[in-house]
N, C-alpha and C. Protein backbone atom coordinates (compact mmCIF):
# COMPACT_ATOMS: atom_id res chain seq x y z
N MET A 1 0.82 -1.20 0.00
CA MET A 1 0.00 0.00 0.00
C MET A 1 0.86 1.27 0.00
N ALA A 2 1.98 1.21 0.71
CA ALA A 2 2.86 2.38 0.78
C ALA A 2 3.38 2.76 -0.61
N TRP A 3 3.66 1.77 -1.44
CA TRP A 3 4.15 2.05 -2.79
C TRP A 3 3.09 2.76 -3.63
N ILE A 4 1.85 2.34 -3.48
CA ILE A 4 0.77 2.98 -4.23
C ILE A 4 0.62 4.45 -3.80
N VAL A 5 0.65 4.68 -2.49
CA VAL A 5 0.56 6.04 -1.97
C VAL A 5 1.74 6.87 -2.48
N LEU A 6 2.93 6.27 -2.49
CA LEU A 6 4.12 6.98 -2.96
C LEU A 6 4.01 7.35 -4.44
N ILE A 7 3.52 6.44 -5.25
CA ILE A 7 3.37 6.71 -6.68
C ILE A 7 2.36 7.83 -6.91
N ILE A 8 1.24 7.76 -6.21
CA ILE A 8 0.22 8.81 -6.37
C ILE A 8 0.75 10.15 -5.89
N SER A 9 1.48 10.16 -4.78
CA SER A 9 2.02 11.44 -4.30
C SER A 9 3.08 11.97 -5.25
N GLY A 10 3.82 11.09 -5.93
CA GLY A 10 4.77 11.52 -6.96
C GLY A 10 4.06 12.16 -8.14
N MET A 11 2.88 11.62 -8.47
CA MET A 11 2.09 12.22 -9.55
C MET A 11 1.62 13.62 -9.16
N PHE A 12 1.24 13.78 -7.90
CA PHE A 12 0.82 15.10 -7.44
C PHE A 12 1.99 16.07 -7.37
N GLU A 13 3.22 15.54 -7.26
CA GLU A 13 4.37 16.42 -7.31
C GLU A 13 4.45 17.08 -8.68
N ALA A 14 4.19 16.30 -9.73
CA ALA A 14 4.19 16.87 -11.08
C ALA A 14 3.09 17.91 -11.22
N VAL A 15 1.93 17.64 -10.61
CA VAL A 15 0.82 18.60 -10.69
C VAL A 15 1.22 19.92 -10.06
N TRP A 16 1.80 19.85 -8.83
CA TRP A 16 2.12 21.13 -8.19
C TRP A 16 3.26 21.86 -8.91
N ALA A 17 4.21 21.11 -9.47
CA ALA A 17 5.30 21.76 -10.20
C ALA A 17 4.77 22.49 -11.43
N LEU A 18 3.89 21.83 -12.16
CA LEU A 18 3.32 22.46 -13.35
C LEU A 18 2.42 23.64 -12.98
N ALA A 19 1.65 23.49 -11.91
CA ALA A 19 0.80 24.60 -11.45
C ALA A 19 1.63 25.78 -10.99
N LEU A 20 2.75 25.50 -10.36
CA LEU A 20 3.63 26.58 -9.92
C LEU A 20 4.12 27.39 -11.12
N GLY A 21 4.49 26.70 -12.19
CA GLY A 21 4.92 27.40 -13.39
C GLY A 21 3.80 28.23 -14.01
N LYS A 22 2.59 27.70 -13.98
CA LYS A 22 1.45 28.40 -14.57
C LYS A 22 0.95 29.55 -13.68
N SER A 23 1.34 29.55 -12.40
CA SER A 23 0.84 30.58 -11.48
C SER A 23 1.49 31.94 -11.71
N GLU A 24 2.58 31.96 -12.49
CA GLU A 24 3.30 33.21 -12.78
C GLU A 24 3.64 33.97 -11.49
N GLY A 25 4.36 33.26 -10.62
CA GLY A 25 4.77 33.89 -9.36
C GLY A 25 3.61 34.14 -8.41
N PHE A 26 2.66 33.23 -8.41
CA PHE A 26 1.46 33.30 -7.57
C PHE A 26 0.57 34.51 -7.90
N SER A 27 0.68 35.01 -9.14
CA SER A 27 -0.16 36.15 -9.53
C SER A 27 -1.47 35.69 -10.17
N ARG A 28 -1.61 34.41 -10.46
CA ARG A 28 -2.84 33.86 -11.02
C ARG A 28 -3.48 32.95 -9.98
N LEU A 29 -4.73 33.19 -9.65
CA LEU A 29 -5.39 32.52 -8.54
C LEU A 29 -5.58 31.02 -8.75
N ALA A 30 -6.17 30.61 -9.87
CA ALA A 30 -6.49 29.19 -10.06
C ALA A 30 -5.25 28.29 -10.01
N PRO A 31 -4.20 28.59 -10.77
CA PRO A 31 -3.02 27.73 -10.67
C PRO A 31 -2.37 27.78 -9.28
N SER A 32 -2.46 28.92 -8.62
CA SER A 32 -1.90 29.03 -7.27
C SER A 32 -2.65 28.12 -6.30
N LEU A 33 -3.98 28.06 -6.43
CA LEU A 33 -4.77 27.16 -5.58
C LEU A 33 -4.48 25.70 -5.89
N VAL A 34 -4.36 25.38 -7.17
CA VAL A 34 -4.01 24.01 -7.55
C VAL A 34 -2.65 23.65 -6.96
N PHE A 35 -1.71 24.57 -7.02
CA PHE A 35 -0.38 24.35 -6.43
C PHE A 35 -0.48 23.99 -4.96
N VAL A 36 -1.21 24.78 -4.18
CA VAL A 36 -1.31 24.56 -2.74
C VAL A 36 -1.95 23.22 -2.42
N VAL A 37 -3.04 22.89 -3.09
CA VAL A 37 -3.74 21.63 -2.83
C VAL A 37 -2.87 20.44 -3.25
N ALA A 38 -2.28 20.50 -4.44
CA ALA A 38 -1.44 19.40 -4.92
C ALA A 38 -0.20 19.23 -4.05
N LEU A 39 0.36 20.34 -3.59
CA LEU A 39 1.53 20.27 -2.71
C LEU A 39 1.18 19.56 -1.41
N ALA A 40 0.05 19.90 -0.83
CA ALA A 40 -0.37 19.28 0.43
C ALA A 40 -0.61 17.78 0.24
N ILE A 41 -1.26 17.41 -0.85
CA ILE A 41 -1.52 15.98 -1.11
C ILE A 41 -0.20 15.25 -1.35
N SER A 42 0.67 15.86 -2.14
CA SER A 42 1.95 15.24 -2.47
C SER A 42 2.82 15.02 -1.23
N MET A 43 2.97 16.05 -0.43
CA MET A 43 3.78 15.95 0.78
C MET A 43 3.15 14.99 1.80
N GLY A 44 1.84 15.06 1.92
CA GLY A 44 1.15 14.16 2.85
C GLY A 44 1.34 12.70 2.45
N GLY A 45 1.20 12.42 1.16
CA GLY A 45 1.41 11.06 0.68
C GLY A 45 2.83 10.59 0.89
N LEU A 46 3.80 11.46 0.65
CA LEU A 46 5.20 11.12 0.88
C LEU A 46 5.42 10.79 2.35
N ALA A 47 4.86 11.58 3.23
CA ALA A 47 5.01 11.34 4.67
C ALA A 47 4.40 10.00 5.07
N ILE A 48 3.24 9.69 4.52
CA ILE A 48 2.58 8.41 4.84
C ILE A 48 3.42 7.25 4.33
N ALA A 49 3.93 7.36 3.11
CA ALA A 49 4.74 6.28 2.54
C ALA A 49 6.02 6.07 3.35
N MET A 50 6.58 7.15 3.89
CA MET A 50 7.82 7.05 4.66
C MET A 50 7.63 6.38 6.02
N ARG A 51 6.39 6.16 6.42
CA ARG A 51 6.16 5.40 7.66
C ARG A 51 6.64 3.96 7.49
N THR A 52 6.56 3.46 6.25
CA THR A 52 6.88 2.07 5.97
C THR A 52 8.15 1.90 5.15
N LEU A 53 8.34 2.77 4.19
CA LEU A 53 9.47 2.65 3.26
C LEU A 53 10.66 3.47 3.74
N PRO A 54 11.87 3.08 3.34
CA PRO A 54 13.06 3.86 3.72
C PRO A 54 12.99 5.28 3.15
N VAL A 55 13.50 6.23 3.90
CA VAL A 55 13.45 7.64 3.52
C VAL A 55 14.14 7.88 2.18
N GLY A 56 15.34 7.37 2.02
CA GLY A 56 16.09 7.61 0.79
C GLY A 56 15.40 7.08 -0.44
N THR A 57 14.92 5.85 -0.35
CA THR A 57 14.21 5.24 -1.48
C THR A 57 12.92 5.99 -1.76
N SER A 58 12.17 6.32 -0.72
CA SER A 58 10.90 7.03 -0.90
C SER A 58 11.12 8.36 -1.60
N TYR A 59 12.08 9.11 -1.12
CA TYR A 59 12.32 10.43 -1.69
C TYR A 59 12.79 10.34 -3.13
N ALA A 60 13.70 9.41 -3.41
CA ALA A 60 14.22 9.25 -4.78
C ALA A 60 13.10 8.87 -5.75
N VAL A 61 12.25 7.95 -5.35
CA VAL A 61 11.14 7.53 -6.21
C VAL A 61 10.16 8.67 -6.41
N TRP A 62 9.83 9.38 -5.34
CA TRP A 62 8.89 10.50 -5.39
C TRP A 62 9.38 11.58 -6.35
N VAL A 63 10.64 11.95 -6.21
CA VAL A 63 11.22 12.99 -7.06
C VAL A 63 11.28 12.53 -8.51
N ALA A 64 11.68 11.29 -8.72
CA ALA A 64 11.80 10.78 -10.09
C ALA A 64 10.45 10.75 -10.80
N ILE A 65 9.42 10.29 -10.11
CA ILE A 65 8.08 10.26 -10.71
C ILE A 65 7.66 11.68 -11.08
N GLY A 66 7.83 12.60 -10.15
CA GLY A 66 7.47 13.99 -10.42
C GLY A 66 8.26 14.59 -11.57
N ALA A 67 9.55 14.32 -11.61
CA ALA A 67 10.40 14.88 -12.65
C ALA A 67 10.05 14.32 -14.02
N VAL A 68 9.89 13.00 -14.10
CA VAL A 68 9.58 12.38 -15.39
C VAL A 68 8.23 12.87 -15.91
N LEU A 69 7.24 12.92 -15.05
CA LEU A 69 5.92 13.37 -15.49
C LEU A 69 5.92 14.85 -15.87
N THR A 70 6.64 15.66 -15.12
CA THR A 70 6.71 17.10 -15.42
C THR A 70 7.38 17.34 -16.77
N VAL A 71 8.52 16.70 -16.99
CA VAL A 71 9.23 16.87 -18.25
C VAL A 71 8.42 16.27 -19.40
N GLY A 72 7.84 15.09 -19.17
CA GLY A 72 7.03 14.45 -20.21
C GLY A 72 5.86 15.30 -20.63
N TYR A 73 5.16 15.87 -19.65
CA TYR A 73 4.04 16.76 -19.96
C TYR A 73 4.52 17.98 -20.72
N SER A 74 5.62 18.56 -20.28
CA SER A 74 6.16 19.75 -20.94
C SER A 74 6.57 19.45 -22.38
N MET A 75 7.12 18.26 -22.60
CA MET A 75 7.46 17.86 -23.97
C MET A 75 6.19 17.67 -24.81
N ALA A 76 5.18 17.04 -24.22
CA ALA A 76 3.93 16.77 -24.95
C ALA A 76 3.20 18.05 -25.33
N THR A 77 3.31 19.07 -24.50
CA THR A 77 2.61 20.33 -24.78
C THR A 77 3.46 21.32 -25.58
N GLY A 78 4.71 20.96 -25.84
CA GLY A 78 5.58 21.83 -26.62
C GLY A 78 6.31 22.88 -25.82
N ASP A 79 6.15 22.85 -24.50
CA ASP A 79 6.87 23.81 -23.65
C ASP A 79 8.34 23.46 -23.50
N GLU A 80 8.68 22.22 -23.79
CA GLU A 80 10.06 21.74 -23.68
C GLU A 80 10.40 21.00 -24.97
N SER A 81 11.62 21.18 -25.43
CA SER A 81 12.01 20.49 -26.66
C SER A 81 12.19 18.99 -26.41
N ILE A 82 12.00 18.23 -27.46
CA ILE A 82 12.17 16.78 -27.39
C ILE A 82 13.45 16.42 -28.11
N SER A 83 14.24 15.56 -27.49
CA SER A 83 15.45 15.07 -28.15
C SER A 83 15.68 13.62 -27.73
N PRO A 84 16.37 12.86 -28.56
CA PRO A 84 16.66 11.47 -28.19
C PRO A 84 17.45 11.36 -26.88
N VAL A 85 18.33 12.32 -26.65
CA VAL A 85 19.12 12.29 -25.41
C VAL A 85 18.21 12.48 -24.20
N LYS A 86 17.28 13.43 -24.25
CA LYS A 86 16.36 13.66 -23.14
C LYS A 86 15.51 12.42 -22.88
N ILE A 87 15.02 11.82 -23.95
CA ILE A 87 14.18 10.63 -23.79
C ILE A 87 15.00 9.49 -23.19
N ALA A 88 16.23 9.31 -23.64
CA ALA A 88 17.09 8.27 -23.08
C ALA A 88 17.36 8.51 -21.60
N LEU A 89 17.59 9.76 -21.23
CA LEU A 89 17.84 10.08 -19.83
C LEU A 89 16.60 9.85 -18.97
N LEU A 90 15.43 10.20 -19.48
CA LEU A 90 14.19 9.93 -18.74
C LEU A 90 13.97 8.43 -18.57
N LEU A 91 14.25 7.66 -19.62
CA LEU A 91 14.13 6.20 -19.51
C LEU A 91 15.13 5.65 -18.50
N GLY A 92 16.33 6.23 -18.47
CA GLY A 92 17.31 5.83 -17.47
C GLY A 92 16.84 6.12 -16.06
N LEU A 93 16.21 7.27 -15.88
CA LEU A 93 15.67 7.64 -14.57
C LEU A 93 14.58 6.66 -14.14
N ILE A 94 13.71 6.31 -15.08
CA ILE A 94 12.65 5.34 -14.79
C ILE A 94 13.27 3.99 -14.43
N SER A 95 14.30 3.58 -15.15
CA SER A 95 14.97 2.32 -14.85
C SER A 95 15.56 2.31 -13.44
N CYS A 96 16.13 3.43 -13.05
CA CYS A 96 16.70 3.53 -11.71
C CYS A 96 15.61 3.41 -10.64
N VAL A 97 14.46 4.02 -10.87
CA VAL A 97 13.35 3.94 -9.92
C VAL A 97 12.85 2.50 -9.81
N VAL A 98 12.71 1.83 -10.94
CA VAL A 98 12.30 0.43 -10.92
C VAL A 98 13.34 -0.40 -10.17
N GLY A 99 14.60 -0.11 -10.38
CA GLY A 99 15.67 -0.81 -9.66
C GLY A 99 15.57 -0.60 -8.16
N LEU A 100 15.28 0.60 -7.73
CA LEU A 100 15.09 0.84 -6.29
C LEU A 100 13.94 0.05 -5.73
N LYS A 101 12.86 -0.05 -6.49
CA LYS A 101 11.69 -0.83 -6.05
C LYS A 101 12.07 -2.31 -5.93
N LEU A 102 12.77 -2.83 -6.93
CA LEU A 102 13.15 -4.23 -6.93
C LEU A 102 14.17 -4.55 -5.83
N ALA A 103 15.02 -3.59 -5.52
CA ALA A 103 16.03 -3.79 -4.48
C ALA A 103 15.44 -3.73 -3.08
N HIS A 104 14.25 -3.14 -2.96
CA HIS A 104 13.62 -3.00 -1.65
C HIS A 104 13.15 -4.32 -1.20
């Protein structure tokens, strides 16, 4: 169960990161509210997962999920350029996260 909570909280990390970018320095209300709610859910889920899972593994997986989803979304929407090197690096990051899960 802790892994499921960790994965979902990692997804909310991507939500708050993207909302933070869209908030334009907290000058736009809707993205700012999405940021606050997603941040609370993301951090809360990370804290719950850390009750059972090691801190280092939990944090690494949480950050990696958020980073991969944030960059992937930005590439899909055209906000970030796509290159074979970036895709290879994202796949490497995903492989490392899977390795951490398997090593646990």
